Protein backbone atom coordinates (compact mmCIF):
# COMPACT_ATOMS: atom_id res chain seq x y z
CA UNK A 1 -0.09 0.03 0.27
CA UNK A 2 1.73 3.21 -0.98
CA UNK A 3 1.11 6.62 0.91
CA UNK A 4 -1.18 8.57 -2.23
CA UNK A 5 -0.84 12.79 -1.41
CA UNK A 6 -4.00 14.23 -0.23
CA UNK A 7 -6.13 16.32 -2.28
CA UNK A 8 -5.34 19.83 -0.87
CA UNK A 9 -8.14 21.89 0.44
CA UNK A 10 -10.01 24.01 -1.86
CA UNK A 11 -12.30 26.86 -0.66
CA UNK A 12 -16.03 27.00 -2.15
CA UNK A 13 -14.87 28.01 -5.82
CA UNK A 14 -12.60 25.05 -5.84
CA UNK A 15 -9.14 27.62 -5.26
CA UNK A 16 -7.03 25.54 -3.36
CA UNK A 17 -6.47 27.19 0.00
CA UNK A 18 -3.20 28.25 0.82
CA UNK A 19 -0.79 27.05 3.95
CA UNK A 20 -1.70 28.84 7.11
CA UNK A 21 2.15 30.48 7.38
CA UNK A 22 0.07 32.70 4.71
CA UNK A 23 -2.64 33.54 7.48
CA UNK A 24 -0.57 33.88 10.19
CA UNK A 25 1.71 35.88 8.91
CA UNK A 26 -0.84 38.76 8.13
CA UNK A 27 -2.23 38.24 11.65
CA UNK A 28 0.95 38.50 12.86
CA UNK A 29 1.88 41.85 11.07
CA UNK A 30 -1.54 43.06 11.90
CA UNK A 31 -0.18 42.68 15.53
CA UNK A 32 2.95 44.17 15.75
CA UNK A 33 0.97 47.25 13.80
CA UNK A 34 -1.06 47.85 16.50
CA UNK A 35 1.43 47.56 18.57
CA UNK A 36 4.09 49.59 17.35
CA UNK A 37 1.13 52.58 16.84
CA UNK A 38 0.24 52.37 20.30
CA UNK A 39 3.88 53.05 21.33
CA UNK A 40 4.19 55.62 18.91
CA UNK A 41 0.90 57.73 19.78
CA UNK A 42 2.53 56.55 23.76
CA UNK A 43 6.11 58.43 22.28
CA UNK A 44 4.05 62.03 21.95
CA UNK A 45 3.09 62.07 25.82
CA UNK A 46 7.14 61.92 26.43
CA UNK A 47 9.56 65.16 26.35
CA UNK A 48 10.67 66.17 22.97
CA UNK A 49 14.52 64.85 24.14
CA UNK A 50 12.88 61.63 25.32
CA UNK A 51 10.80 61.00 22.08
CA UNK A 52 13.18 61.42 19.35
CA UNK A 53 14.71 57.71 19.77
CA UNK A 54 11.35 56.07 19.68
CA UNK A 55 10.19 57.74 16.49
CA UNK A 56 13.64 57.40 15.00
CA UNK A 57 12.83 53.76 15.32
CA UNK A 58 9.21 53.49 14.78
CA UNK A 59 8.20 55.68 11.75
CA UNK A 60 10.82 53.34 9.56
CA UNK A 61 9.70 49.84 11.48
CA UNK A 62 5.61 51.33 10.48
CA UNK A 63 6.59 52.32 6.68
CA UNK A 64 7.83 48.71 6.52
CA UNK A 65 4.96 47.39 8.08
CA UNK A 66 2.94 49.19 5.75
CA UNK A 67 5.13 48.30 3.04
CA UNK A 68 5.01 44.88 3.55
CA UNK A 69 1.21 44.86 3.67
CA UNK A 70 0.41 46.36 0.45
CA UNK A 71 3.11 43.41 -0.74
CA UNK A 72 1.52 40.87 0.74
CA UNK A 73 -2.14 41.68 0.99
CA UNK A 74 -3.22 40.08 -2.50
CA UNK A 75 -6.78 39.49 -3.64
CA UNK A 76 -7.24 36.51 -2.00
CA UNK A 77 -5.80 37.73 1.34
CA UNK A 78 -8.82 38.75 3.11
CA UNK A 79 -10.85 34.92 1.99
CA UNK A 80 -7.66 32.97 3.12
CA UNK A 81 -7.46 34.59 6.22
CA UNK A 82 -10.74 34.30 7.58
CA UNK A 83 -11.01 30.96 6.01
CA UNK A 84 -8.19 30.08 8.42
CA UNK A 85 -9.19 31.89 11.23
CA UNK A 86 -12.32 30.10 11.40
CA UNK A 87 -10.73 26.99 11.26
CA UNK A 88 -8.40 28.12 14.31
CA UNK A 89 -11.47 29.29 16.45
CA UNK A 90 -13.09 26.10 15.63
CA UNK A 91 -10.51 24.47 17.14
CA UNK A 92 -8.87 22.64 14.47
CA UNK A 93 -5.09 23.91 14.52
CA UNK A 94 -3.73 21.97 17.64
CA UNK A 95 -0.79 24.76 17.90
CA UNK A 96 -3.18 27.64 18.11
CA UNK A 97 -5.22 26.08 20.74
CA UNK A 98 -2.01 25.73 22.34
CA UNK A 99 -0.67 29.32 22.03
CA UNK A 100 -3.99 30.58 22.97
CA UNK A 101 -3.81 28.98 26.13
CA UNK A 102 -0.48 30.27 26.94
CA UNK A 103 -1.64 33.81 25.71
CA UNK A 104 -4.27 33.54 27.89
CA UNK A 105 -1.30 32.33 31.07
CA UNK A 106 0.47 35.82 29.98
CA UNK A 107 -2.75 37.84 30.58
CA UNK A 108 -3.38 36.48 33.66
CA UNK A 109 0.37 36.85 34.76
CA UNK A 110 -0.36 40.64 33.34
CA UNK A 111 -3.90 40.62 36.05
CA UNK A 112 -2.09 38.82 38.89
CA UNK A 113 0.88 41.94 38.88
CA UNK A 114 -1.32 44.59 38.70
CA UNK A 115 -3.34 43.55 41.48
CA UNK A 116 -1.06 41.78 43.65
CA UNK A 117 2.33 43.09 42.60
CA UNK A 118 5.19 41.30 40.70
CA UNK A 119 6.37 38.69 43.07
CA UNK A 120 2.91 37.26 44.03
CA UNK A 121 2.96 37.13 39.86
CA UNK A 122 6.16 35.84 39.22
CA UNK A 123 5.13 32.86 41.83
CA UNK A 124 2.19 31.71 40.15
CA UNK A 125 2.60 32.30 36.89
CA UNK A 126 5.65 29.39 37.26
CA UNK A 127 3.52 26.97 39.86
CA UNK A 128 0.81 27.60 37.34
CA UNK A 129 3.36 26.79 34.07
CA UNK A 130 4.93 23.64 36.09
CA UNK A 131 2.13 22.21 37.47
CA UNK A 132 -0.74 22.48 34.84
CA UNK A 133 1.11 22.68 31.72
CA UNK A 134 4.67 21.11 32.34
CA UNK A 135 3.00 18.64 34.90
CA UNK A 136 5.86 18.65 37.24
CA UNK A 137 5.10 17.15 40.98
CA UNK A 138 3.37 19.76 43.14
CA UNK A 139 6.14 20.00 45.41
CA UNK A 140 8.61 20.19 43.31
CA UNK A 141 6.80 23.29 41.27
CA UNK A 142 6.18 24.70 44.82
CA UNK A 143 9.83 24.75 45.54
CA UNK A 144 11.28 26.14 42.66
CA UNK A 145 8.77 28.65 42.04
CA UNK A 146 9.58 29.56 45.80
CA UNK A 147 13.31 29.97 45.20
CA UNK A 148 13.30 31.52 41.75
CA UNK A 149 10.86 33.77 42.69
CA UNK A 150 13.09 34.92 45.81
CA UNK A 151 16.13 35.27 43.76
CA UNK A 152 14.27 37.63 41.37
CA UNK A 153 13.44 39.73 43.74
CA UNK A 154 16.71 40.18 45.30
CA UNK A 155 18.28 40.23 41.99
CA UNK A 156 16.11 43.25 41.29
CA UNK A 157 15.39 45.18 44.80
CA UNK A 158 19.38 44.49 46.20
CA UNK A 159 21.47 44.00 43.24
CA UNK A 160 19.97 46.40 40.81
CA UNK A 161 18.07 49.09 43.21
CA UNK A 162 15.41 48.43 40.86
CA UNK A 163 11.94 48.43 42.74
CA UNK A 164 9.39 45.72 41.49
CA UNK A 165 5.90 46.80 41.85
CA UNK A 166 4.04 45.87 44.31
CA UNK A 167 0.95 45.67 43.45
CA UNK A 168 -2.75 47.72 43.44
CA UNK A 169 -3.63 46.06 47.25
CA UNK A 170 -0.20 46.94 49.12
CA UNK A 171 -0.64 50.73 46.97
CA UNK A 172 -4.10 50.70 48.86
CA UNK A 173 -2.96 49.40 52.21
CA UNK A 174 -0.10 51.98 52.08
CA UNK A 175 -2.56 54.41 51.48
CA UNK A 176 -2.95 55.49 48.16
CA UNK A 177 -5.99 56.27 45.96
CA UNK A 178 -6.28 53.57 43.64
CA UNK A 179 -9.53 52.70 43.09
């Protein structure tokens, strides 16, 4: 029995579906454009001396992103993008599901840091990654997370003399009006 190549996937009109890399490139380019545009807009709030470097970097980067977008956005780009995004949302792409779970953990990390601070956020994030995603034993995860968090906090607080963010709850208890 020979392995015959499978028939390529086709759209409703019979045209061949492009690789998922094409749609991924479009999505990544769009996300990069939004991030650079947000950073560009934020640079306007800096003093003129401080804003020169971001402008010098971001103006050419925005031009390159727009140039590349014009280059790859052929006539069927939106159809390809919709096709692959629908498939990803429907759960047909396993790597996307893993990436979405990891992205959700990063958003969770951001929320934990915002409310409880860096130390709690780092510890919780490492513990979650090791126990849930890495399937390590709980005791090993607790030890590694605690030691790594302590080393990071000590390195930044004592070694670099950089105070880590303590979180909204600590700031509220210290008398700041954060709510």
